[in-house]
Amino acid sequence: MPETDAPTSPRTQIDFRSKVGVFWANDHWPTPEVQAIAREIEELGFGSFFYPESGAKDSITLAAALLPATERLVVGTGIMNIFARHASIAEAGARTLAAVYPGRFVLGLGVSHALGLQRRFGLEVPKPLAAMRDYLAEMADLPAFVEKEIGRPPRILAALGPKMIALSGEAADGAMPYLVTPEQTRTTREILGDDKWIITEHAVAFDGSESEINEAAGLHLDGYLRFPNYRNSWLRQGFTENDFVPGGSDRLKRALIGLGTLDAAVEAINRQLQAGADHVVVQVAGNGPTYDPRPSLRKLSQALGLQQA
């Protein structure tokens, strides 16, 4: 198998309009409505729209729907499961989008979770680092004549541990940390250096009563507490098993979520940027998969001054 193609240097182009974007799981929403919401996200001054892949919607197809519905918004997969499609198919789709919308598409890749992969595909998951390295090398096997004027799009890796972070610098264009403290973002920057992208997710919860806000934060963390990779990541970040109670401890919530007030949300975003993130994608924690993030995003846009940027 050939060596993975080296990332371009200087840093691969991504045309973020601002340093703050949006992360939103929209599987329960009809795509025409998601297109309309993406347009509003762009109008509010956010620089990107990233979304996860749960198996309900195809990531590449969704990007192909969102990019023509907007004008400047960067669209990114956050992340696309490498076990859900062959590497050459992922690479071909990504090159096509990069050719039509240069600077506006980011291919986020990840190894997902062993438990989910076993249920969905019946897979015995190989070692994540080796699997990702092999996948990137297989992507490089796609012939160079496919969109040769553009080349490959920016690739970022879902990276929590130090070895995956290092690989995101060696064989990709950067990392997408998820559910991490600013201190962990700083560690990621120290590993990657200045020439790689760090696109950090950070959740916020500030709309509603105190009990509603805490419930939304707990519901958000509950979805990840059962996964060993997140628990191990939090242990490396200084948390303990005592923080892994249902819904997460108060300490865990406040470290990982801009919690309680709009000012707290803005402060959390700014701390991630100060720690070395190039771009922060804000995820509004709500009370379920049909929760509408727009009321909170409108307030955030105003507080951050994005529409004037």
Protein backbone atom coordinates (compact mmCIF):
# COMPACT_ATOMS: atom_id res chain seq x y z
CA MET A 1 0.00 0.00 0.00
CA PRO A 2 1.49 3.41 -0.92
CA GLU A 3 2.31 6.04 1.63
CA THR A 4 -0.49 8.48 2.41
CA ASP A 5 -0.20 11.60 0.30
CA ALA A 6 1.30 14.40 2.34
CA PRO A 7 -0.84 17.45 3.09
CA THR A 8 -0.05 20.61 1.24
CA SER A 9 2.04 23.29 2.88
CA PRO A 10 1.41 26.05 3.80
CA ARG A 11 -1.90 25.26 5.40
CA THR A 12 -4.63 23.98 3.09
CA GLN A 13 -7.17 26.65 2.18
CA ILE A 14 -10.49 26.80 4.03
CA ASP A 15 -12.42 30.02 3.50
CA PHE A 16 -13.98 30.51 6.92
CA ARG A 17 -15.85 33.80 6.99
CA SER A 18 -15.48 34.00 10.77
CA LYS A 19 -13.82 32.05 13.57
CA VAL A 20 -17.10 30.65 14.87
CA GLY A 21 -19.33 28.13 13.13
CA VAL A 22 -22.18 25.79 13.98
CA PHE A 23 -22.32 22.08 14.73
CA TRP A 24 -25.83 20.64 14.43
CA ALA A 25 -27.14 17.09 14.26
CA ASN A 26 -30.08 17.47 11.88
CA ASP A 27 -31.07 13.90 11.01
CA HIS A 28 -34.61 14.42 12.32
CA TRP A 29 -35.17 17.48 10.13
CA PRO A 30 -36.21 17.37 6.44
CA THR A 31 -33.31 18.42 4.25
CA PRO A 32 -35.20 21.35 2.61
CA GLU A 33 -35.67 22.79 6.11
CA VAL A 34 -32.01 22.19 6.89
CA GLN A 35 -31.10 24.11 3.74
CA ALA A 36 -33.19 27.06 4.92
CA ILE A 37 -31.59 26.92 8.37
CA ALA A 38 -28.13 26.79 6.78
CA ARG A 39 -28.97 30.00 4.92
CA GLU A 40 -29.93 31.64 8.20
CA ILE A 41 -26.75 30.38 9.85
CA GLU A 42 -24.84 32.08 7.03
CA GLU A 43 -26.86 35.28 7.37
CA LEU A 44 -26.12 35.35 11.10
CA GLY A 45 -22.41 35.53 10.26
CA PHE A 46 -21.31 32.06 11.30
CA GLY A 47 -18.47 30.73 9.20
CA SER A 48 -19.38 27.07 8.92
CA PHE A 49 -21.93 24.33 9.33
CA PHE A 50 -20.62 20.95 10.51
CA TYR A 51 -22.77 17.93 11.24
CA PRO A 52 -22.24 14.39 12.55
CA GLU A 53 -22.98 11.14 10.77
CA SER A 54 -25.25 8.80 12.72
CA GLY A 55 -26.26 6.53 9.86
CA ALA A 56 -29.52 8.30 9.08
CA LYS A 57 -28.29 10.72 6.39
CA ASP A 58 -25.38 10.37 4.00
CA SER A 59 -22.74 12.97 4.76
CA ILE A 60 -21.56 13.64 1.21
CA THR A 61 -25.10 13.91 -0.17
CA LEU A 62 -26.06 16.32 2.59
CA ALA A 63 -23.05 18.52 1.83
CA ALA A 64 -24.06 18.50 -1.84
CA ALA A 65 -27.46 19.85 -0.77
CA LEU A 66 -26.14 22.51 1.62
CA LEU A 67 -23.34 24.02 -0.45
CA PRO A 68 -25.53 25.29 -3.34
CA ALA A 69 -28.14 26.49 -0.83
CA THR A 70 -25.60 28.94 0.62
CA GLU A 71 -23.03 31.33 -0.82
CA ARG A 72 -20.04 31.53 1.51
CA LEU A 73 -20.73 29.03 4.26
CA VAL A 74 -18.11 26.32 4.77
CA VAL A 75 -19.75 22.90 5.05
CA GLY A 76 -18.02 20.05 6.83
CA THR A 77 -18.59 16.46 7.84
CA GLY A 78 -18.02 16.16 11.55
CA ILE A 79 -17.32 13.35 11.29
CA MET A 80 -17.80 10.89 8.46
CA ASN A 81 -17.43 7.28 9.55
CA ILE A 82 -14.57 5.59 7.70
CA PHE A 83 -16.24 2.19 8.07
CA ALA A 84 -19.45 3.32 6.33
CA ARG A 85 -17.98 3.62 2.82
CA HIS A 86 -14.95 2.57 0.83
CA ALA A 87 -12.06 5.01 0.96
CA SER A 88 -12.08 5.59 -2.82
CA ILE A 89 -15.79 6.48 -2.74
CA ALA A 90 -15.25 8.95 0.08
CA GLU A 91 -12.29 10.52 -1.70
CA ALA A 92 -14.09 10.78 -5.05
CA GLY A 93 -17.14 12.44 -3.51
CA ALA A 94 -15.02 14.87 -1.54
CA ARG A 95 -12.92 15.84 -4.57
CA THR A 96 -16.07 16.53 -6.56
CA LEU A 97 -17.40 18.89 -3.89
CA ALA A 98 -14.02 20.61 -3.56
CA ALA A 99 -13.89 21.12 -7.32
CA VAL A 100 -17.32 22.76 -7.48
CA TYR A 101 -17.03 24.68 -4.18
CA PRO A 102 -13.32 25.37 -3.63
CA GLY A 103 -12.46 26.45 -0.12
CA ARG A 104 -15.92 25.63 1.20
CA PHE A 105 -15.91 21.91 1.90
CA VAL A 106 -14.05 20.12 4.70
CA LEU A 107 -13.89 16.35 4.91
CA GLY A 108 -13.91 15.32 8.54
CA LEU A 109 -13.11 11.65 9.11
CA GLY A 110 -13.30 9.47 12.17
CA VAL A 111 -13.30 5.89 13.42
CA SER A 112 -16.62 6.29 15.27
CA HIS A 113 -17.38 3.98 18.21
CA ALA A 114 -16.83 0.24 18.46
CA LEU A 115 -20.20 -0.41 20.11
CA GLY A 116 -22.15 1.39 17.42
CA LEU A 117 -20.17 -0.21 14.62
CA GLN A 118 -20.80 -3.66 16.00
CA ARG A 119 -24.54 -3.00 16.13
CA ARG A 120 -24.77 -1.29 12.75
CA PHE A 121 -22.35 -3.26 10.60
CA GLY A 122 -21.54 -6.33 12.66
CA LEU A 123 -17.91 -5.24 12.57
CA GLU A 124 -15.16 -6.29 14.88
CA VAL A 125 -13.42 -2.95 14.85
CA PRO A 126 -9.66 -2.99 14.20
CA LYS A 127 -7.26 -0.79 16.10
CA PRO A 128 -8.42 2.79 15.39
CA LEU A 129 -5.05 4.32 14.61
CA ALA A 130 -4.05 1.60 12.14
CA ALA A 131 -7.50 1.66 10.54
CA MET A 132 -7.33 5.41 9.98
CA ARG A 133 -3.81 5.29 8.62
CA ASP A 134 -4.77 2.55 6.15
CA TYR A 135 -7.92 4.40 5.11
CA LEU A 136 -6.01 7.58 4.32
CA ALA A 137 -3.52 5.58 2.28
CA GLU A 138 -6.37 3.95 0.34
CA MET A 139 -7.84 7.37 -0.37
CA ALA A 140 -4.53 8.31 -1.94
CA ASP A 141 -4.93 5.41 -4.38
CA LEU A 142 -7.68 7.27 -6.25
CA PRO A 143 -6.08 8.30 -9.57
CA ALA A 144 -4.71 11.81 -9.70
CA PHE A 145 -6.69 12.64 -12.87
CA VAL A 146 -9.91 12.76 -10.78
CA GLU A 147 -10.40 16.53 -10.38
CA LYS A 148 -6.67 16.99 -10.97
CA GLU A 149 -6.94 20.79 -11.04
CA ILE A 150 -8.26 20.80 -7.48
CA GLY A 151 -6.60 17.83 -5.82
CA ARG A 152 -7.95 16.51 -2.58
CA PRO A 153 -10.04 18.62 -0.22
CA PRO A 154 -8.96 19.59 3.29
CA ARG A 155 -9.09 16.57 5.60
CA ILE A 156 -9.39 16.76 9.35
CA LEU A 157 -9.52 13.85 11.76
CA ALA A 158 -11.60 13.32 14.87
CA ALA A 159 -8.70 13.15 17.28
CA LEU A 160 -8.81 12.81 21.05
CA GLY A 161 -5.70 10.82 21.95
CA PRO A 162 -2.12 11.96 21.32
CA LYS A 163 -1.40 9.34 18.63
CA MET A 164 -4.48 10.21 16.55
CA ILE A 165 -3.71 13.90 16.99
CA ALA A 166 -0.20 13.27 15.68
CA LEU A 167 -1.59 11.35 12.70
CA SER A 168 -3.94 14.25 11.93
CA GLY A 169 -0.86 16.39 11.46
CA GLU A 170 1.23 13.81 9.62
CA ALA A 171 -1.36 12.52 7.14
CA ALA A 172 -4.17 15.11 7.18
CA ASP A 173 -4.67 18.84 7.53
CA GLY A 174 -5.55 18.99 11.18
CA ALA A 175 -7.86 17.81 13.91
CA MET A 176 -11.42 18.20 15.14
CA PRO A 177 -11.44 17.85 18.92
CA TYR A 178 -14.88 17.11 20.40
CA LEU A 179 -16.03 17.54 23.99
CA VAL A 180 -12.69 18.86 25.17
CA THR A 181 -11.54 21.58 27.51
CA PRO A 182 -9.53 24.56 26.25
CA GLU A 183 -6.52 22.98 27.95
CA GLN A 184 -6.88 19.94 25.69
CA THR A 185 -7.18 22.21 22.66
CA ARG A 186 -3.90 23.78 23.77
CA THR A 187 -2.32 20.32 23.97
CA THR A 188 -3.59 19.56 20.47
CA ARG A 189 -1.99 22.75 19.19
CA GLU A 190 1.31 21.86 20.83
CA ILE A 191 1.29 18.49 19.05
CA LEU A 192 0.24 19.85 15.65
CA GLY A 193 2.21 23.09 15.50
CA ASP A 194 1.01 26.23 13.74
CA ASP A 195 0.47 24.93 10.20
CA LYS A 196 -2.47 22.62 10.84
CA TRP A 197 -6.13 23.37 11.36
CA ILE A 198 -7.83 22.87 14.71
CA ILE A 199 -11.60 23.00 14.40
CA THR A 200 -12.93 22.50 17.91
CA GLU A 201 -16.51 21.64 18.83
CA HIS A 202 -17.89 23.28 21.97
CA ALA A 203 -21.41 22.86 23.31
CA VAL A 204 -23.46 25.63 24.91
CA ALA A 205 -26.69 25.66 26.92
CA PHE A 206 -28.12 28.94 28.17
CA ASP A 207 -31.75 29.27 27.04
CA GLY A 208 -34.55 28.42 29.48
CA SER A 209 -34.83 27.97 33.22
CA GLU A 210 -31.93 26.71 35.30
CA SER A 211 -33.46 23.24 35.47
CA GLU A 212 -34.08 23.18 31.71
CA ILE A 213 -30.50 24.24 31.01
CA ASN A 214 -29.06 21.58 33.33
CA GLU A 215 -31.36 18.95 31.83
CA ALA A 216 -30.21 19.84 28.31
CA ALA A 217 -26.55 19.69 29.36
CA GLY A 218 -27.03 16.33 31.05
CA LEU A 219 -28.90 14.91 28.08
CA HIS A 220 -26.07 16.03 25.81
CA LEU A 221 -23.35 14.37 27.89
CA ASP A 222 -25.38 11.21 28.49
CA GLY A 223 -25.04 10.34 24.82
CA TYR A 224 -21.25 10.10 25.21
CA LEU A 225 -20.73 8.81 28.74
CA ARG A 226 -21.23 5.22 27.60
CA PHE A 227 -18.38 5.37 25.08
CA PRO A 228 -14.93 4.33 26.35
CA ASN A 229 -13.06 6.66 23.99
CA TYR A 230 -14.72 9.75 25.49
CA ARG A 231 -14.31 8.52 29.06
CA ASN A 232 -10.63 7.85 28.40
CA SER A 233 -10.27 11.29 26.84
CA TRP A 234 -11.79 12.92 29.91
CA LEU A 235 -9.56 10.91 32.22
CA ARG A 236 -6.54 12.23 30.29
CA GLN A 237 -7.96 15.74 30.74
CA GLY A 238 -7.97 15.39 34.52
CA PHE A 239 -11.47 14.16 35.30
CA THR A 240 -12.16 11.04 37.34
CA GLU A 241 -14.68 8.21 37.40
CA ASN A 242 -16.63 10.28 39.94
CA ASP A 243 -17.44 12.72 37.13
CA PHE A 244 -19.08 9.99 35.03
CA VAL A 245 -22.40 9.92 36.84
CA PRO A 246 -25.58 9.96 34.69
CA GLY A 247 -25.68 13.30 32.92
CA GLY A 248 -22.14 14.09 34.06
CA SER A 249 -21.00 15.82 37.21
CA ASP A 250 -21.42 19.56 37.59
CA ARG A 251 -17.66 19.90 37.13
CA LEU A 252 -17.76 17.95 33.85
CA LYS A 253 -20.71 19.96 32.54
CA ARG A 254 -19.14 23.31 33.28
CA ALA A 255 -15.77 22.32 31.80
CA LEU A 256 -17.19 21.00 28.52
CA ILE A 257 -20.27 23.19 28.00
CA GLY A 258 -20.73 26.95 27.97
CA LEU A 259 -23.37 26.65 30.64
CA GLY A 260 -26.03 28.81 32.21
CA THR A 261 -25.80 32.23 30.58
CA LEU A 262 -25.07 33.80 27.22
CA ASP A 263 -21.96 35.40 28.71
CA ALA A 264 -20.73 31.98 29.83
CA ALA A 265 -21.24 30.61 26.33
CA VAL A 266 -19.29 33.49 24.75
CA GLU A 267 -16.50 33.08 27.30
CA ALA A 268 -16.24 29.34 26.56
CA ILE A 269 -15.94 30.00 22.83
CA ASN A 270 -13.29 32.66 23.34
CA ARG A 271 -11.30 30.41 25.67
CA GLN A 272 -11.14 27.75 22.97
CA LEU A 273 -9.90 30.30 20.45
CA GLN A 274 -7.32 31.64 22.89
CA ALA A 275 -6.14 28.06 23.53
CA GLY A 276 -5.25 27.57 19.88
CA ALA A 277 -8.41 26.66 17.98
CA ASP A 278 -8.57 28.24 14.53
CA HIS A 279 -12.32 27.78 14.37
CA VAL A 280 -14.90 26.81 17.00
CA VAL A 281 -18.11 25.08 15.98
CA VAL A 282 -20.86 25.74 18.51
CA GLN A 283 -23.32 23.00 19.35
CA VAL A 284 -26.50 24.11 21.10
CA ALA A 285 -27.47 21.44 23.63
CA GLY A 286 -31.24 20.98 23.60
CA ASN A 287 -33.94 18.70 24.88
CA GLY A 288 -33.89 16.16 22.06
CA PRO A 289 -33.10 15.55 18.40
CA THR A 290 -35.81 17.91 17.13
CA TYR A 291 -34.61 20.84 19.24
CA ASP A 292 -34.35 24.04 17.20
CA PRO A 293 -30.94 25.71 17.77
CA ARG A 294 -31.81 28.97 16.02
CA PRO A 295 -33.03 31.04 19.01
CA SER A 296 -29.74 30.43 20.81
CA LEU A 297 -27.69 30.94 17.64
CA ARG A 298 -29.34 34.32 17.02
CA LYS A 299 -28.36 35.46 20.51
CA LEU A 300 -24.83 34.13 20.09
CA SER A 301 -24.40 35.86 16.76
CA GLN A 302 -25.33 39.19 18.28
CA ALA A 303 -23.18 38.69 21.39
CA LEU A 304 -20.17 37.73 19.27
CA GLY A 305 -20.72 40.53 16.77
CA LEU A 306 -20.65 38.10 13.86
CA GLN A 307 -22.97 39.96 11.52
CA GLN A 308 -20.73 43.00 11.70
CA ALA A 309 -17.61 40.97 10.94
